[in-house]
Amino acid sequence: MGGIADPGKKGEYRTRNVVVGATIGGMAGLIAGSALHDEIKTREVKAYANGRASAPRQATGAMPSLREAQVESRWIEGRVVGNRYIEGHFEYIITEPTRWNAQ
């Protein structure tokens, strides 16, 4: 746009024309980008709704509950192993894993 406009007798309007052209181009890009973004969002919403409507329905039965895992904790005293000192700490051991609650 700015390159097409008349730059004046000695090119005195060339900078103004470039600024005007860049502004018009930027605004056109902004409008086009906004319109495309809105269209894409609309399509995404429709696709999500269609996918959700066509998804197989889950069974109406209730999911059984889970029993918590049984965990045992043991205190291990600090000790020296070779040239290393291992500070006292707890060890946690899973004695019975999580299971479905039989009803």
N, C-alpha and C. Protein backbone atom coordinates (compact mmCIF):
# COMPACT_ATOMS: atom_id res chain seq x y z
N MET A 1 0.83 -1.19 0.00
CA MET A 1 0.00 0.00 0.00
C MET A 1 0.88 1.25 0.00
N GLY A 2 1.86 1.26 0.92
CA GLY A 2 2.71 2.45 1.03
C GLY A 2 3.59 2.63 -0.19
N GLY A 3 3.95 1.54 -0.84
CA GLY A 3 4.78 1.64 -2.04
C GLY A 3 4.03 2.14 -3.25
N ILE A 4 2.72 1.95 -3.27
CA ILE A 4 1.90 2.38 -4.41
C ILE A 4 1.56 3.87 -4.32
N ALA A 5 1.39 4.39 -3.13
CA ALA A 5 0.98 5.78 -2.94
C ALA A 5 2.08 6.73 -3.43
N ASP A 6 1.64 7.92 -3.81
CA ASP A 6 2.54 8.94 -4.35
C ASP A 6 3.53 9.40 -3.27
N PRO A 7 4.84 9.26 -3.51
CA PRO A 7 5.82 9.66 -2.51
C PRO A 7 6.09 11.17 -2.48
N GLY A 8 5.48 11.94 -3.34
CA GLY A 8 5.72 13.38 -3.39
C GLY A 8 6.81 13.70 -4.40
N LYS A 9 7.11 15.00 -4.56
CA LYS A 9 8.09 15.42 -5.56
C LYS A 9 9.48 14.88 -5.29
N LYS A 10 9.95 14.97 -4.06
CA LYS A 10 11.30 14.52 -3.73
C LYS A 10 11.27 13.38 -2.71
N GLY A 11 10.17 12.64 -2.66
CA GLY A 11 10.08 11.50 -1.75
C GLY A 11 9.79 11.89 -0.32
N GLU A 12 9.25 13.09 -0.09
CA GLU A 12 9.04 13.54 1.27
C GLU A 12 7.92 12.78 2.00
N TYR A 13 7.02 12.11 1.26
CA TYR A 13 5.92 11.38 1.88
C TYR A 13 6.19 9.87 1.97
N ARG A 14 7.35 9.46 1.57
CA ARG A 14 7.65 8.02 1.52
C ARG A 14 7.53 7.37 2.91
N THR A 15 8.10 7.98 3.93
CA THR A 15 8.05 7.42 5.28
C THR A 15 6.61 7.35 5.77
N ARG A 16 5.86 8.41 5.55
CA ARG A 16 4.45 8.42 5.96
C ARG A 16 3.69 7.31 5.24
N ASN A 17 3.96 7.15 3.95
CA ASN A 17 3.27 6.11 3.19
C ASN A 17 3.60 4.71 3.71
N VAL A 18 4.85 4.48 4.09
CA VAL A 18 5.25 3.18 4.62
C VAL A 18 4.54 2.92 5.95
N VAL A 19 4.48 3.94 6.81
CA VAL A 19 3.81 3.79 8.11
C VAL A 19 2.32 3.52 7.91
N VAL A 20 1.68 4.26 7.02
CA VAL A 20 0.26 4.07 6.75
C VAL A 20 0.02 2.68 6.17
N GLY A 21 0.87 2.25 5.24
CA GLY A 21 0.72 0.93 4.64
C GLY A 21 0.90 -0.18 5.66
N ALA A 22 1.90 -0.04 6.53
CA ALA A 22 2.13 -1.05 7.56
C ALA A 22 0.96 -1.11 8.55
N THR A 23 0.41 0.04 8.89
CA THR A 23 -0.73 0.09 9.80
C THR A 23 -1.95 -0.57 9.19
N ILE A 24 -2.22 -0.27 7.95
CA ILE A 24 -3.38 -0.87 7.27
C ILE A 24 -3.18 -2.39 7.14
N GLY A 25 -1.98 -2.81 6.80
CA GLY A 25 -1.71 -4.24 6.68
C GLY A 25 -1.82 -4.95 8.01
N GLY A 26 -1.33 -4.32 9.07
CA GLY A 26 -1.44 -4.90 10.40
C GLY A 26 -2.88 -5.05 10.85
N MET A 27 -3.69 -4.04 10.58
CA MET A 27 -5.10 -4.10 10.95
C MET A 27 -5.83 -5.17 10.14
N ALA A 28 -5.50 -5.29 8.86
CA ALA A 28 -6.12 -6.33 8.03
C ALA A 28 -5.75 -7.72 8.56
N GLY A 29 -4.49 -7.89 8.94
CA GLY A 29 -4.06 -9.17 9.50
C GLY A 29 -4.74 -9.47 10.82
N LEU A 30 -4.91 -8.45 11.64
CA LEU A 30 -5.59 -8.62 12.92
C LEU A 30 -7.03 -9.06 12.72
N ILE A 31 -7.73 -8.44 11.82
CA ILE A 31 -9.12 -8.78 11.56
C ILE A 31 -9.23 -10.20 11.00
N ALA A 32 -8.37 -10.53 10.03
CA ALA A 32 -8.41 -11.87 9.43
C ALA A 32 -8.06 -12.93 10.47
N GLY A 33 -7.05 -12.68 11.28
CA GLY A 33 -6.66 -13.64 12.31
C GLY A 33 -7.75 -13.85 13.34
N SER A 34 -8.41 -12.78 13.73
CA SER A 34 -9.50 -12.88 14.70
C SER A 34 -10.65 -13.69 14.13
N ALA A 35 -11.00 -13.44 12.88
CA ALA A 35 -12.10 -14.18 12.24
C ALA A 35 -11.75 -15.66 12.14
N LEU A 36 -10.51 -15.98 11.75
CA LEU A 36 -10.10 -17.38 11.65
C LEU A 36 -10.09 -18.06 13.02
N HIS A 37 -9.63 -17.36 14.03
CA HIS A 37 -9.59 -17.91 15.38
C HIS A 37 -11.00 -18.24 15.85
N ASP A 38 -11.95 -17.33 15.65
CA ASP A 38 -13.33 -17.57 16.05
C ASP A 38 -13.91 -18.77 15.31
N GLU A 39 -13.63 -18.89 14.03
CA GLU A 39 -14.13 -20.01 13.24
C GLU A 39 -13.55 -21.34 13.75
N ILE A 40 -12.27 -21.36 14.05
CA ILE A 40 -11.63 -22.58 14.56
C ILE A 40 -12.22 -22.96 15.91
N LYS A 41 -12.41 -22.00 16.79
CA LYS A 41 -13.00 -22.28 18.10
C LYS A 41 -14.41 -22.84 17.95
N THR A 42 -15.20 -22.28 17.04
CA THR A 42 -16.56 -22.77 16.81
C THR A 42 -16.52 -24.21 16.33
N ARG A 43 -15.62 -24.53 15.42
CA ARG A 43 -15.49 -25.90 14.92
C ARG A 43 -15.05 -26.86 16.03
N GLU A 44 -14.13 -26.42 16.88
CA GLU A 44 -13.67 -27.26 17.98
C GLU A 44 -14.82 -27.59 18.93
N VAL A 45 -15.63 -26.59 19.26
CA VAL A 45 -16.76 -26.81 20.16
C VAL A 45 -17.75 -27.79 19.54
N LYS A 46 -18.05 -27.62 18.25
CA LYS A 46 -18.98 -28.53 17.57
C LYS A 46 -18.41 -29.94 17.53
N ALA A 47 -17.12 -30.09 17.22
CA ALA A 47 -16.50 -31.41 17.15
C ALA A 47 -16.51 -32.08 18.51
N TYR A 48 -16.26 -31.33 19.57
CA TYR A 48 -16.29 -31.90 20.92
C TYR A 48 -17.69 -32.38 21.26
N ALA A 49 -18.70 -31.55 20.94
CA ALA A 49 -20.08 -31.94 21.24
C ALA A 49 -20.48 -33.18 20.44
N ASN A 50 -20.10 -33.25 19.17
CA ASN A 50 -20.42 -34.42 18.35
C ASN A 50 -19.72 -35.67 18.88
N GLY A 51 -18.46 -35.54 19.26
CA GLY A 51 -17.72 -36.68 19.80
C GLY A 51 -18.31 -37.16 21.11
N ARG A 52 -18.70 -36.23 21.93
CA ARG A 52 -19.28 -36.61 23.22
C ARG A 52 -20.63 -37.28 23.04
N ALA A 53 -21.41 -36.80 22.06
CA ALA A 53 -22.72 -37.40 21.81
C ALA A 53 -22.59 -38.80 21.22
N SER A 54 -21.54 -39.05 20.44
CA SER A 54 -21.39 -40.35 19.80
C SER A 54 -20.59 -41.35 20.64
N ALA A 55 -20.06 -40.93 21.77
CA ALA A 55 -19.28 -41.82 22.62
C ALA A 55 -20.19 -42.88 23.23
N PRO A 56 -19.68 -44.10 23.37
CA PRO A 56 -20.51 -45.15 23.98
C PRO A 56 -20.83 -44.79 25.43
N ARG A 57 -22.03 -45.10 25.81
CA ARG A 57 -22.47 -44.81 27.18
C ARG A 57 -21.89 -45.85 28.14
N GLN A 58 -21.53 -45.39 29.32
CA GLN A 58 -21.00 -46.31 30.31
C GLN A 58 -22.15 -47.05 31.00
N ALA A 59 -21.84 -48.19 31.54
CA ALA A 59 -22.84 -48.98 32.26
C ALA A 59 -23.33 -48.18 33.46
N THR A 60 -24.55 -48.44 33.83
CA THR A 60 -25.13 -47.68 34.95
C THR A 60 -24.74 -48.24 36.30
N GLY A 61 -24.12 -49.41 36.36
CA GLY A 61 -23.72 -50.01 37.63
C GLY A 61 -22.67 -49.15 38.33
N ALA A 62 -22.68 -49.19 39.63
CA ALA A 62 -21.73 -48.41 40.39
C ALA A 62 -20.37 -49.12 40.43
N MET A 63 -19.33 -48.35 40.35
CA MET A 63 -17.98 -48.90 40.43
C MET A 63 -17.72 -49.34 41.87
N PRO A 64 -17.15 -50.52 42.07
CA PRO A 64 -16.85 -50.95 43.44
C PRO A 64 -15.76 -50.06 44.06
N SER A 65 -15.77 -49.99 45.35
CA SER A 65 -14.77 -49.16 46.03
C SER A 65 -13.46 -49.92 46.19
N LEU A 66 -12.43 -49.21 46.55
CA LEU A 66 -11.11 -49.80 46.75
C LEU A 66 -10.78 -49.85 48.23
N ARG A 67 -10.15 -50.93 48.63
CA ARG A 67 -9.61 -51.01 49.98
C ARG A 67 -8.23 -50.38 49.96
N GLU A 68 -7.90 -49.66 51.00
CA GLU A 68 -6.59 -49.04 51.06
C GLU A 68 -5.50 -50.08 51.26
N ALA A 69 -4.34 -49.77 50.76
CA ALA A 69 -3.19 -50.66 50.94
C ALA A 69 -2.78 -50.64 52.41
N GLN A 70 -2.26 -51.76 52.89
CA GLN A 70 -1.74 -51.84 54.26
C GLN A 70 -0.24 -51.56 54.20
N VAL A 71 0.18 -50.58 54.97
CA VAL A 71 1.59 -50.17 54.97
C VAL A 71 2.14 -50.31 56.38
N GLU A 72 3.32 -50.86 56.46
CA GLU A 72 3.99 -51.03 57.76
C GLU A 72 5.24 -50.14 57.75
N SER A 73 5.48 -49.47 58.86
CA SER A 73 6.69 -48.64 58.94
C SER A 73 7.63 -49.22 59.99
N ARG A 74 8.91 -49.16 59.69
CA ARG A 74 9.93 -49.68 60.59
C ARG A 74 11.03 -48.63 60.74
N TRP A 75 11.47 -48.44 62.00
CA TRP A 75 12.58 -47.53 62.25
C TRP A 75 13.88 -48.30 62.13
N ILE A 76 14.78 -47.79 61.30
CA ILE A 76 16.09 -48.41 61.12
C ILE A 76 17.10 -47.50 61.82
N GLU A 77 17.81 -48.06 62.79
CA GLU A 77 18.80 -47.29 63.56
C GLU A 77 19.95 -46.87 62.66
N GLY A 78 20.60 -45.77 63.01
CA GLY A 78 21.77 -45.32 62.28
C GLY A 78 22.90 -46.33 62.44
N ARG A 79 23.71 -46.50 61.41
CA ARG A 79 24.80 -47.48 61.48
C ARG A 79 25.95 -47.07 60.57
N VAL A 80 27.08 -47.67 60.82
CA VAL A 80 28.27 -47.44 60.01
C VAL A 80 28.46 -48.66 59.13
N VAL A 81 28.60 -48.42 57.82
CA VAL A 81 28.86 -49.50 56.88
C VAL A 81 30.14 -49.12 56.14
N GLY A 82 31.23 -49.83 56.42
CA GLY A 82 32.52 -49.50 55.81
C GLY A 82 32.94 -48.12 56.26
N ASN A 83 33.15 -47.20 55.31
CA ASN A 83 33.52 -45.83 55.66
C ASN A 83 32.34 -44.86 55.49
N ARG A 84 31.12 -45.39 55.50
CA ARG A 84 29.91 -44.57 55.37
C ARG A 84 29.07 -44.66 56.63
N TYR A 85 28.42 -43.55 56.97
CA TYR A 85 27.46 -43.55 58.07
C TYR A 85 26.07 -43.39 57.46
N ILE A 86 25.19 -44.32 57.76
CA ILE A 86 23.81 -44.25 57.28
C ILE A 86 22.96 -43.81 58.46
N GLU A 87 22.36 -42.64 58.34
CA GLU A 87 21.58 -42.04 59.42
C GLU A 87 20.31 -42.87 59.65
N GLY A 88 19.79 -42.84 60.87
CA GLY A 88 18.56 -43.54 61.20
C GLY A 88 17.40 -43.02 60.36
N HIS A 89 16.51 -43.91 59.94
CA HIS A 89 15.42 -43.51 59.07
C HIS A 89 14.28 -44.53 59.15
N PHE A 90 13.12 -44.14 58.62
CA PHE A 90 11.99 -45.05 58.53
C PHE A 90 12.02 -45.75 57.18
N GLU A 91 11.60 -47.01 57.16
CA GLU A 91 11.36 -47.75 55.93
C GLU A 91 9.87 -48.09 55.92
N TYR A 92 9.25 -47.91 54.80
CA TYR A 92 7.82 -48.20 54.66
C TYR A 92 7.66 -49.39 53.73
N ILE A 93 6.92 -50.38 54.18
CA ILE A 93 6.75 -51.62 53.43
C ILE A 93 5.26 -51.83 53.18
N ILE A 94 4.90 -52.09 51.94
CA ILE A 94 3.51 -52.40 51.60
C ILE A 94 3.30 -53.87 51.90
N THR A 95 2.49 -54.15 52.91
CA THR A 95 2.26 -55.54 53.30
C THR A 95 1.07 -56.15 52.55
N GLU A 96 0.11 -55.31 52.17
CA GLU A 96 -1.03 -55.79 51.39
C GLU A 96 -1.41 -54.69 50.40
N PRO A 97 -1.38 -54.98 49.10
CA PRO A 97 -1.67 -53.94 48.11
C PRO A 97 -3.15 -53.57 48.09
N THR A 98 -3.46 -52.51 47.36
CA THR A 98 -4.84 -52.08 47.18
C THR A 98 -5.61 -53.17 46.43
N ARG A 99 -6.85 -53.38 46.86
CA ARG A 99 -7.71 -54.39 46.20
C ARG A 99 -9.12 -53.83 46.10
N TRP A 100 -9.87 -54.43 45.17
CA TRP A 100 -11.29 -54.07 45.07
C TRP A 100 -12.01 -54.58 46.30
N ASN A 101 -12.93 -53.80 46.79
CA ASN A 101 -13.72 -54.19 47.96
C ASN A 101 -14.81 -55.14 47.49
N ALA A 102 -14.82 -56.38 47.96
CA ALA A 102 -15.83 -57.37 47.57
C ALA A 102 -17.14 -57.03 48.27
N GLN A 103 -18.19 -56.84 47.47
CA GLN A 103 -19.50 -56.49 48.07
C GLN A 103 -20.52 -57.54 47.73
